[in-house]
Amino acid sequence: MIFQGYFIRKKIQALAKKSSARKSRYCSFYEAKTFLMTFNIRDKEDILPCVEQLKELKKDINISVFIPKKMKVAIEADPAWFQIKEEELGPNGLPLSPLCEQFNTIPTDILIDLTRENDHAMHYLELLHPVSFKIGNKSSLRDLFDLTIPMREDDKIPQSLQHILYYLQTIRSK
């Protein structure tokens, strides 16, 4: 499986180079009506309060969650939750075309990546999504996001999201 991770990272890096030519457009917090938050199911308890905070600020939230094979969890039957289960990935560890097409139809103004470094399937999907403004933590996979927030291993997800929201509310576009 070490080799599989290596080849997946290479594929993502190649896709990132292609997508760096895409047209990105800054979207401020006030302009954005819909957010797409992506994360690993292990971080659900940390992220749900953040989702509620955004809902209180009158933002529509769509959620995309990666579920590893070993995790047996019950997910809400909410249509705003898009589930990517590890066992549904292709033999190379990447999402198949139908899953990519479904993911690309999720409406959003701003994509916020809160996944882990090794959630390659999520990074692959995020690169393919047509949203014009993507935010995430700085990683070894460069050119994934339009705005990157450095995040240390000991940083908590709510802390990182607070940084992201601060920058979105502070930076204004013309």
N, C-alpha and C. Protein backbone atom coordinates (compact mmCIF):
# COMPACT_ATOMS: atom_id res chain seq x y z
N MET A 1 0.81 -1.20 0.00
CA MET A 1 0.00 0.00 0.00
C MET A 1 0.85 1.26 0.00
N ILE A 2 2.12 1.16 0.36
CA ILE A 2 3.00 2.32 0.34
C ILE A 2 3.15 2.81 -1.10
N PHE A 3 3.29 1.88 -2.04
CA PHE A 3 3.43 2.26 -3.44
C PHE A 3 2.16 2.92 -3.95
N GLN A 4 1.01 2.41 -3.53
CA GLN A 4 -0.26 2.97 -3.98
C GLN A 4 -0.35 4.43 -3.55
N GLY A 5 0.01 4.75 -2.31
CA GLY A 5 0.00 6.13 -1.82
C GLY A 5 0.93 7.02 -2.63
N TYR A 6 2.07 6.49 -3.01
CA TYR A 6 3.04 7.24 -3.81
C TYR A 6 2.44 7.60 -5.17
N PHE A 7 1.83 6.61 -5.83
CA PHE A 7 1.27 6.85 -7.15
C PHE A 7 0.05 7.77 -7.09
N ILE A 8 -0.74 7.66 -6.04
CA ILE A 8 -1.89 8.55 -5.88
C ILE A 8 -1.40 9.99 -5.72
N ARG A 9 -0.37 10.20 -4.90
CA ARG A 9 0.18 11.56 -4.71
C ARG A 9 0.70 12.11 -6.03
N LYS A 10 1.38 11.27 -6.81
CA LYS A 10 1.88 11.71 -8.12
C LYS A 10 0.73 12.11 -9.04
N LYS A 11 -0.33 11.33 -9.05
CA LYS A 11 -1.50 11.63 -9.87
C LYS A 11 -2.14 12.95 -9.43
N ILE A 12 -2.23 13.17 -8.13
CA ILE A 12 -2.81 14.40 -7.60
C ILE A 12 -1.92 15.59 -7.95
N GLN A 13 -0.60 15.43 -7.85
CA GLN A 13 0.31 16.52 -8.19
C GLN A 13 0.20 16.88 -9.68
N ALA A 14 0.05 15.88 -10.53
CA ALA A 14 -0.11 16.14 -11.97
C ALA A 14 -1.43 16.86 -12.23
N LEU A 15 -2.48 16.45 -11.55
CA LEU A 15 -3.78 17.10 -11.70
C LEU A 15 -3.72 18.53 -11.16
N ALA A 16 -2.98 18.73 -10.07
CA ALA A 16 -2.84 20.07 -9.49
C ALA A 16 -2.14 21.02 -10.46
N LYS A 17 -1.15 20.52 -11.18
CA LYS A 17 -0.45 21.36 -12.17
C LYS A 17 -1.43 21.79 -13.26
N LYS A 18 -2.27 20.87 -13.71
CA LYS A 18 -3.26 21.20 -14.73
C LYS A 18 -4.29 22.19 -14.19
N SER A 19 -4.72 21.98 -12.96
CA SER A 19 -5.78 22.83 -12.40
C SER A 19 -5.27 24.20 -11.99
N SER A 20 -3.94 24.37 -11.89
CA SER A 20 -3.42 25.68 -11.52
C SER A 20 -3.71 26.70 -12.62
N ALA A 21 -4.05 26.22 -13.80
CA ALA A 21 -4.42 27.11 -14.90
C ALA A 21 -5.89 27.50 -14.85
N ARG A 22 -6.64 26.92 -13.94
CA ARG A 22 -8.07 27.24 -13.85
C ARG A 22 -8.27 28.67 -13.38
N LYS A 23 -9.39 29.20 -13.69
CA LYS A 23 -9.73 30.58 -13.32
C LYS A 23 -10.25 30.58 -11.88
N SER A 24 -9.47 31.16 -10.96
CA SER A 24 -9.96 31.27 -9.59
C SER A 24 -10.42 32.70 -9.36
N ARG A 25 -11.41 32.83 -8.48
CA ARG A 25 -11.95 34.14 -8.17
C ARG A 25 -12.18 34.20 -6.67
N TYR A 26 -11.59 35.22 -6.05
CA TYR A 26 -11.77 35.38 -4.62
C TYR A 26 -13.23 35.66 -4.31
N CYS A 27 -13.72 35.04 -3.28
CA CYS A 27 -15.10 35.23 -2.83
C CYS A 27 -15.04 35.55 -1.35
N SER A 28 -15.49 36.72 -0.97
CA SER A 28 -15.43 37.10 0.44
C SER A 28 -16.50 36.35 1.23
N PHE A 29 -16.37 36.39 2.52
CA PHE A 29 -17.33 35.74 3.41
C PHE A 29 -18.73 36.29 3.18
N TYR A 30 -18.81 37.59 2.93
CA TYR A 30 -20.11 38.25 2.78
C TYR A 30 -20.75 37.95 1.43
N GLU A 31 -19.94 37.71 0.41
CA GLU A 31 -20.46 37.35 -0.92
C GLU A 31 -20.93 35.90 -0.96
N ALA A 32 -20.26 35.06 -0.22
CA ALA A 32 -20.54 33.62 -0.26
C ALA A 32 -21.86 33.29 0.43
N LYS A 33 -22.66 32.52 -0.26
CA LYS A 33 -23.92 32.06 0.32
C LYS A 33 -23.83 30.59 0.72
N THR A 34 -23.04 29.83 -0.04
CA THR A 34 -22.95 28.39 0.18
C THR A 34 -21.50 27.96 0.36
N PHE A 35 -21.26 27.15 1.37
CA PHE A 35 -19.93 26.60 1.66
C PHE A 35 -19.99 25.09 1.50
N LEU A 36 -18.89 24.53 1.02
CA LEU A 36 -18.72 23.08 0.98
C LEU A 36 -17.54 22.76 1.88
N MET A 37 -17.80 22.04 2.96
CA MET A 37 -16.75 21.65 3.90
C MET A 37 -16.45 20.18 3.70
N THR A 38 -15.15 19.86 3.53
CA THR A 38 -14.74 18.48 3.36
C THR A 38 -13.88 18.08 4.56
N PHE A 39 -14.11 16.87 5.07
CA PHE A 39 -13.34 16.40 6.21
C PHE A 39 -13.42 14.89 6.33
N ASN A 40 -12.60 14.36 7.22
CA ASN A 40 -12.57 12.93 7.52
C ASN A 40 -13.56 12.70 8.66
N ILE A 41 -14.29 11.61 8.61
CA ILE A 41 -15.31 11.33 9.62
C ILE A 41 -14.74 11.30 11.04
N ARG A 42 -13.46 11.01 11.17
CA ARG A 42 -12.82 11.00 12.51
C ARG A 42 -12.90 12.37 13.17
N ASP A 43 -13.02 13.42 12.37
CA ASP A 43 -13.03 14.78 12.90
C ASP A 43 -14.44 15.36 13.04
N LYS A 44 -15.43 14.51 12.92
CA LYS A 44 -16.83 14.97 12.93
C LYS A 44 -17.17 15.79 14.17
N GLU A 45 -16.78 15.32 15.34
CA GLU A 45 -17.14 16.01 16.58
C GLU A 45 -16.50 17.40 16.68
N ASP A 46 -15.33 17.57 16.09
CA ASP A 46 -14.68 18.89 16.08
C ASP A 46 -15.33 19.82 15.07
N ILE A 47 -15.85 19.28 13.99
CA ILE A 47 -16.34 20.10 12.88
C ILE A 47 -17.80 20.49 13.04
N LEU A 48 -18.62 19.66 13.64
CA LEU A 48 -20.05 19.98 13.75
C LEU A 48 -20.32 21.32 14.44
N PRO A 49 -19.61 21.69 15.51
CA PRO A 49 -19.84 23.04 16.07
C PRO A 49 -19.48 24.16 15.09
N CYS A 50 -18.48 23.93 14.26
CA CYS A 50 -18.09 24.91 13.24
C CYS A 50 -19.19 25.05 12.20
N VAL A 51 -19.80 23.94 11.82
CA VAL A 51 -20.90 23.95 10.86
C VAL A 51 -22.06 24.75 11.44
N GLU A 52 -22.37 24.50 12.70
CA GLU A 52 -23.46 25.24 13.35
C GLU A 52 -23.16 26.73 13.41
N GLN A 53 -21.91 27.08 13.65
CA GLN A 53 -21.52 28.49 13.70
C GLN A 53 -21.79 29.16 12.35
N LEU A 54 -21.44 28.48 11.27
CA LEU A 54 -21.69 29.05 9.94
C LEU A 54 -23.19 29.14 9.64
N LYS A 55 -23.95 28.15 10.09
CA LYS A 55 -25.39 28.19 9.89
C LYS A 55 -26.02 29.37 10.64
N GLU A 56 -25.50 29.66 11.83
CA GLU A 56 -25.98 30.81 12.59
C GLU A 56 -25.69 32.12 11.88
N LEU A 57 -24.66 32.12 11.05
CA LEU A 57 -24.30 33.31 10.27
C LEU A 57 -25.05 33.34 8.94
N LYS A 58 -26.10 32.51 8.83
CA LYS A 58 -26.99 32.48 7.67
C LYS A 58 -26.30 31.98 6.39
N LYS A 59 -25.42 30.99 6.53
CA LYS A 59 -24.74 30.39 5.38
C LYS A 59 -25.28 28.98 5.17
N ASP A 60 -25.46 28.61 3.91
CA ASP A 60 -25.85 27.24 3.59
C ASP A 60 -24.58 26.39 3.57
N ILE A 61 -24.64 25.24 4.22
CA ILE A 61 -23.47 24.38 4.33
C ILE A 61 -23.76 23.03 3.70
N ASN A 62 -22.89 22.64 2.78
CA ASN A 62 -22.89 21.28 2.25
C ASN A 62 -21.66 20.60 2.83
N ILE A 63 -21.78 19.33 3.11
CA ILE A 63 -20.70 18.61 3.77
C ILE A 63 -20.33 17.39 2.93
N SER A 64 -19.03 17.22 2.76
CA SER A 64 -18.51 16.04 2.10
C SER A 64 -17.57 15.36 3.09
N VAL A 65 -17.86 14.12 3.38
CA VAL A 65 -17.12 13.42 4.42
C VAL A 65 -16.51 12.13 3.87
N PHE A 66 -15.24 11.93 4.22
CA PHE A 66 -14.53 10.71 3.83
C PHE A 66 -14.65 9.70 4.97
N ILE A 67 -15.05 8.48 4.64
CA ILE A 67 -15.24 7.44 5.65
C ILE A 67 -14.30 6.28 5.35
N PRO A 68 -13.23 6.11 6.15
CA PRO A 68 -12.30 4.99 5.96
C PRO A 68 -13.01 3.65 6.18
N LYS A 69 -12.45 2.59 5.60
CA LYS A 69 -13.04 1.25 5.73
C LYS A 69 -13.23 0.83 7.17
N LYS A 70 -12.28 1.13 8.00
CA LYS A 70 -12.30 0.66 9.39
C LYS A 70 -13.34 1.37 10.25
N MET A 71 -13.87 2.48 9.78
CA MET A 71 -14.83 3.25 10.57
C MET A 71 -16.24 2.77 10.29
N LYS A 72 -16.93 2.39 11.31
CA LYS A 72 -18.33 2.01 11.20
C LYS A 72 -19.13 3.06 11.95
N VAL A 73 -19.67 4.01 11.20
CA VAL A 73 -20.40 5.11 11.82
C VAL A 73 -21.73 5.32 11.12
N ALA A 74 -22.66 5.84 11.88
CA ALA A 74 -23.95 6.21 11.31
C ALA A 74 -23.87 7.68 10.90
N ILE A 75 -24.22 7.95 9.67
CA ILE A 75 -24.20 9.31 9.14
C ILE A 75 -25.64 9.77 8.97
N GLU A 76 -25.85 11.04 9.22
CA GLU A 76 -27.17 11.62 9.05
C GLU A 76 -27.68 11.35 7.64
N ALA A 77 -28.97 11.20 7.51
CA ALA A 77 -29.58 11.00 6.20
C ALA A 77 -29.86 12.35 5.55
N ASP A 78 -29.15 13.36 5.96
CA ASP A 78 -29.30 14.72 5.45
C ASP A 78 -28.76 14.80 4.03
N PRO A 79 -29.52 15.36 3.09
CA PRO A 79 -29.02 15.47 1.71
C PRO A 79 -27.81 16.40 1.58
N ALA A 80 -27.54 17.22 2.59
CA ALA A 80 -26.38 18.12 2.55
C ALA A 80 -25.08 17.36 2.84
N TRP A 81 -25.19 16.09 3.25
CA TRP A 81 -24.01 15.27 3.55
C TRP A 81 -23.72 14.37 2.35
N PHE A 82 -22.55 14.55 1.76
CA PHE A 82 -22.09 13.71 0.64
C PHE A 82 -21.01 12.78 1.19
N GLN A 83 -21.26 11.49 1.12
CA GLN A 83 -20.35 10.52 1.72
C GLN A 83 -19.44 9.88 0.66
N ILE A 84 -18.15 9.84 0.99
CA ILE A 84 -17.19 9.13 0.15
C ILE A 84 -16.63 8.00 1.02
N LYS A 85 -17.06 6.78 0.72
CA LYS A 85 -16.62 5.63 1.50
C LYS A 85 -15.41 5.01 0.82
N GLU A 86 -14.43 4.65 1.62
CA GLU A 86 -13.18 4.10 1.07
C GLU A 86 -13.43 2.85 0.22
N GLU A 87 -14.39 2.03 0.61
CA GLU A 87 -14.65 0.81 -0.16
C GLU A 87 -15.30 1.11 -1.52
N GLU A 88 -15.77 2.32 -1.74
CA GLU A 88 -16.36 2.69 -3.02
C GLU A 88 -15.34 3.29 -4.00
N LEU A 89 -14.09 3.39 -3.58
CA LEU A 89 -13.04 3.93 -4.44
C LEU A 89 -12.59 2.87 -5.43
N GLY A 90 -11.95 3.32 -6.49
CA GLY A 90 -11.44 2.40 -7.50
C GLY A 90 -10.26 1.61 -6.97
N PRO A 91 -9.77 0.65 -7.75
CA PRO A 91 -8.66 -0.19 -7.30
C PRO A 91 -7.36 0.60 -7.08
N ASN A 92 -7.25 1.77 -7.70
CA ASN A 92 -6.06 2.60 -7.50
C ASN A 92 -6.20 3.55 -6.31
N GLY A 93 -7.33 3.49 -5.60
CA GLY A 93 -7.53 4.33 -4.43
C GLY A 93 -8.12 5.69 -4.73
N LEU A 94 -8.48 5.93 -5.99
CA LEU A 94 -9.07 7.21 -6.39
C LEU A 94 -10.55 7.02 -6.71
N PRO A 95 -11.34 8.08 -6.58
CA PRO A 95 -12.76 7.98 -6.89
C PRO A 95 -13.01 7.67 -8.36
N LEU A 96 -14.05 6.90 -8.60
CA LEU A 96 -14.45 6.57 -9.97
C LEU A 96 -15.24 7.74 -10.57
N SER A 97 -15.37 7.76 -11.87
CA SER A 97 -16.02 8.87 -12.59
C SER A 97 -17.41 9.23 -12.07
N PRO A 98 -18.31 8.25 -11.83
CA PRO A 98 -19.65 8.63 -11.34
C PRO A 98 -19.59 9.39 -10.01
N LEU A 99 -18.70 8.99 -9.13
CA LEU A 99 -18.55 9.68 -7.85
C LEU A 99 -18.03 11.10 -8.07
N CYS A 100 -17.06 11.25 -8.97
CA CYS A 100 -16.52 12.57 -9.29
C CYS A 100 -17.60 13.48 -9.87
N GLU A 101 -18.41 12.93 -10.75
CA GLU A 101 -19.48 13.71 -11.37
C GLU A 101 -20.50 14.16 -10.32
N GLN A 102 -20.85 13.27 -9.41
CA GLN A 102 -21.79 13.62 -8.33
C GLN A 102 -21.20 14.72 -7.46
N PHE A 103 -19.95 14.57 -7.09
CA PHE A 103 -19.28 15.55 -6.23
C PHE A 103 -19.25 16.92 -6.91
N ASN A 104 -19.00 16.95 -8.20
CA ASN A 104 -18.90 18.21 -8.93
C ASN A 104 -20.23 18.96 -9.02
N THR A 105 -21.32 18.29 -8.74
CA THR A 105 -22.64 18.95 -8.80
C THR A 105 -23.02 19.58 -7.46
N ILE A 106 -22.21 19.39 -6.43
CA ILE A 106 -22.53 20.00 -5.13
C ILE A 106 -22.37 21.51 -5.27
N PRO A 107 -23.44 22.27 -5.05
CA PRO A 107 -23.35 23.73 -5.21
C PRO A 107 -22.53 24.36 -4.09
N THR A 108 -21.64 25.29 -4.46
CA THR A 108 -20.84 25.98 -3.46
C THR A 108 -20.20 27.23 -4.04
N ASP A 109 -20.01 28.20 -3.16
CA ASP A 109 -19.27 29.41 -3.51
C ASP A 109 -17.83 29.30 -3.02
N ILE A 110 -17.65 28.63 -1.87
CA ILE A 110 -16.32 28.45 -1.29
C ILE A 110 -16.19 27.02 -0.79
N LEU A 111 -15.11 26.36 -1.19
CA LEU A 111 -14.79 25.02 -0.71
C LEU A 111 -13.76 25.16 0.40
N ILE A 112 -14.04 24.58 1.56
CA ILE A 112 -13.11 24.60 2.69
C ILE A 112 -12.69 23.17 2.98
N ASP A 113 -11.40 22.91 2.80
CA ASP A 113 -10.85 21.58 3.03
C ASP A 113 -10.34 21.47 4.46
N LEU A 114 -10.89 20.55 5.21
CA LEU A 114 -10.44 20.27 6.57
C LEU A 114 -10.03 18.81 6.70
N THR A 115 -9.62 18.21 5.58
CA THR A 115 -9.24 16.80 5.59
C THR A 115 -7.83 16.64 6.15
N ARG A 116 -7.47 15.39 6.31
CA ARG A 116 -6.13 15.05 6.78
C ARG A 116 -5.18 14.95 5.59
N GLU A 117 -3.91 14.99 5.87
CA GLU A 117 -2.86 14.97 4.84
C GLU A 117 -2.98 13.76 3.91
N ASN A 118 -3.38 12.61 4.45
CA ASN A 118 -3.40 11.39 3.63
C ASN A 118 -4.79 11.03 3.09
N ASP A 119 -5.72 11.95 3.10
CA ASP A 119 -7.05 11.71 2.52
C ASP A 119 -7.00 12.06 1.03
N HIS A 120 -6.27 11.24 0.29
CA HIS A 120 -5.99 11.54 -1.11
C HIS A 120 -7.24 11.55 -1.99
N ALA A 121 -8.19 10.70 -1.69
CA ALA A 121 -9.41 10.67 -2.50
C ALA A 121 -10.14 12.01 -2.41
N MET A 122 -10.15 12.60 -1.24
CA MET A 122 -10.80 13.90 -1.06
C MET A 122 -10.04 14.99 -1.82
N HIS A 123 -8.71 14.96 -1.74
CA HIS A 123 -7.92 15.97 -2.45
C HIS A 123 -8.15 15.86 -3.96
N TYR A 124 -8.25 14.65 -4.44
CA TYR A 124 -8.50 14.42 -5.86
C TYR A 124 -9.85 15.03 -6.26
N LEU A 125 -10.88 14.76 -5.47
CA LEU A 125 -12.21 15.31 -5.76
C LEU A 125 -12.21 16.83 -5.71
N GLU A 126 -11.52 17.38 -4.71
CA GLU A 126 -11.47 18.84 -4.56
C GLU A 126 -10.80 19.51 -5.76
N LEU A 127 -9.78 18.88 -6.29
CA LEU A 127 -9.11 19.43 -7.47
C LEU A 127 -10.04 19.46 -8.68
N LEU A 128 -10.91 18.48 -8.78
CA LEU A 128 -11.82 18.40 -9.93
C LEU A 128 -13.05 19.30 -9.78
N HIS A 129 -13.37 19.70 -8.56
CA HIS A 129 -14.59 20.49 -8.35
C HIS A 129 -14.46 21.86 -9.03
N PRO A 130 -15.52 22.31 -9.72
CA PRO A 130 -15.43 23.55 -10.49
C PRO A 130 -15.54 24.85 -9.68
N VAL A 131 -15.66 24.79 -8.37
CA VAL A 131 -15.78 26.01 -7.57
C VAL A 131 -14.58 26.92 -7.85
N SER A 132 -14.80 28.22 -7.81
CA SER A 132 -13.72 29.14 -8.18
C SER A 132 -12.86 29.59 -7.00
N PHE A 133 -13.23 29.24 -5.76
CA PHE A 133 -12.40 29.63 -4.62
C PHE A 133 -12.31 28.46 -3.63
N LYS A 134 -11.08 27.98 -3.43
CA LYS A 134 -10.82 26.83 -2.56
C LYS A 134 -9.85 27.22 -1.46
N ILE A 135 -10.16 26.77 -0.25
CA ILE A 135 -9.34 27.08 0.93
C ILE A 135 -8.97 25.78 1.62
N GLY A 136 -7.75 25.70 2.13
CA GLY A 136 -7.34 24.52 2.87
C GLY A 136 -6.05 24.74 3.60
N ASN A 137 -5.61 23.72 4.32
CA ASN A 137 -4.37 23.84 5.06
C ASN A 137 -3.18 23.56 4.15
N LYS A 138 -2.08 24.18 4.47
CA LYS A 138 -0.87 24.03 3.67
C LYS A 138 -0.42 22.57 3.78
N SER A 139 -0.12 21.97 2.64
CA SER A 139 0.29 20.56 2.65
C SER A 139 1.45 20.36 1.70
N SER A 140 1.93 19.15 1.68
CA SER A 140 3.03 18.83 0.76
C SER A 140 2.54 18.81 -0.69
N LEU A 141 1.24 18.68 -0.88
CA LEU A 141 0.67 18.71 -2.22
C LEU A 141 0.36 20.17 -2.57
N ARG A 142 1.22 20.77 -3.31
CA ARG A 142 1.09 22.20 -3.61
C ARG A 142 0.01 22.45 -4.67
N ASP A 143 -0.40 23.68 -4.75
CA ASP A 143 -1.36 24.15 -5.76
C ASP A 143 -2.75 23.51 -5.62
N LEU A 144 -3.08 23.06 -4.44
CA LEU A 144 -4.43 22.53 -4.24
C LEU A 144 -5.44 23.65 -4.03
N PHE A 145 -5.00 24.72 -3.35
CA PHE A 145 -5.95 25.73 -2.90
C PHE A 145 -5.56 27.14 -3.33
N ASP A 146 -6.56 28.01 -3.37
CA ASP A 146 -6.34 29.42 -3.68
C ASP A 146 -5.86 30.17 -2.44
N LEU A 147 -6.32 29.75 -1.28
CA LEU A 147 -5.89 30.33 -0.01
C LEU A 147 -5.48 29.18 0.90
N THR A 148 -4.23 29.20 1.36
CA THR A 148 -3.77 28.15 2.26
C THR A 148 -3.51 28.73 3.64
N ILE A 149 -3.87 27.97 4.63
CA ILE A 149 -3.66 28.35 6.03
C ILE A 149 -2.68 27.35 6.61
N PRO A 150 -1.53 27.83 7.12
CA PRO A 150 -0.60 26.87 7.72
C PRO A 150 -1.22 26.26 8.99
N MET A 151 -1.08 24.96 9.11
CA MET A 151 -1.66 24.26 10.25
C MET A 151 -0.64 23.27 10.78
N ARG A 152 -0.33 23.39 12.06
CA ARG A 152 0.59 22.46 12.69
C ARG A 152 -0.17 21.21 13.12
N GLU A 153 0.59 20.16 13.38
CA GLU A 153 -0.02 18.89 13.82
C GLU A 153 -0.85 19.05 15.09
N ASP A 154 -0.41 19.94 16.00
CA ASP A 154 -1.13 20.09 17.27
C ASP A 154 -2.28 21.09 17.19
N ASP A 155 -2.47 21.75 16.04
CA ASP A 155 -3.60 22.66 15.88
C ASP A 155 -4.89 21.86 15.79
N LYS A 156 -5.91 22.42 16.36
CA LYS A 156 -7.23 21.79 16.32
C LYS A 156 -8.02 22.35 15.14
N ILE A 157 -8.94 21.57 14.63
CA ILE A 157 -9.73 21.98 13.47
C ILE A 157 -10.54 23.24 13.74
N PRO A 158 -11.22 23.37 14.90
CA PRO A 158 -11.96 24.61 15.13
C PRO A 158 -11.05 25.85 15.09
N GLN A 159 -9.82 25.70 15.58
CA GLN A 159 -8.84 26.79 15.53
C GLN A 159 -8.55 27.17 14.08
N SER A 160 -8.31 26.18 13.26
CA SER A 160 -8.00 26.42 11.85
C SER A 160 -9.18 27.08 11.14
N LEU A 161 -10.39 26.60 11.43
CA LEU A 161 -11.55 27.20 10.80
C LEU A 161 -11.74 28.64 11.25
N GLN A 162 -11.42 28.93 12.48
CA GLN A 162 -11.50 30.33 12.95
C GLN A 162 -10.53 31.21 12.17
N HIS A 163 -9.33 30.69 11.90
CA HIS A 163 -8.36 31.44 11.09
C HIS A 163 -8.93 31.68 9.68
N ILE A 164 -9.51 30.66 9.11
CA ILE A 164 -10.07 30.77 7.76
C ILE A 164 -11.17 31.82 7.74
N LEU A 165 -12.09 31.75 8.69
CA LEU A 165 -13.19 32.72 8.75
C LEU A 165 -12.68 34.14 8.98
N TYR A 166 -11.65 34.28 9.80
CA TYR A 166 -11.06 35.59 10.04
C TYR A 166 -10.54 36.19 8.73
N TYR A 167 -9.79 35.39 7.97
CA TYR A 167 -9.26 35.89 6.71
C TYR A 167 -10.36 36.19 5.71
N LEU A 168 -11.37 35.34 5.66
CA LEU A 168 -12.48 35.59 4.73
C LEU A 168 -13.23 36.88 5.07
N GLN A 169 -13.36 37.17 6.37
CA GLN A 169 -14.08 38.37 6.77
C GLN A 169 -13.22 39.62 6.68
N THR A 170 -11.91 39.45 6.74
CA THR A 170 -10.99 40.59 6.71
C THR A 170 -10.64 41.02 5.30
N ILE A 171 -10.35 40.05 4.45
CA ILE A 171 -9.93 40.36 3.08
C ILE A 171 -11.17 40.72 2.26
N ARG A 172 -11.10 41.83 1.59
CA ARG A 172 -12.21 42.28 0.75
C ARG A 172 -11.77 42.23 -0.71
N SER A 173 -12.69 41.90 -1.58
CA SER A 173 -12.36 41.90 -3.01
C SER A 173 -13.04 43.07 -3.70
N LYS A 174 -12.50 43.45 -4.81
CA LYS A 174 -13.12 44.56 -5.59
C LYS A 174 -13.74 44.00 -6.83
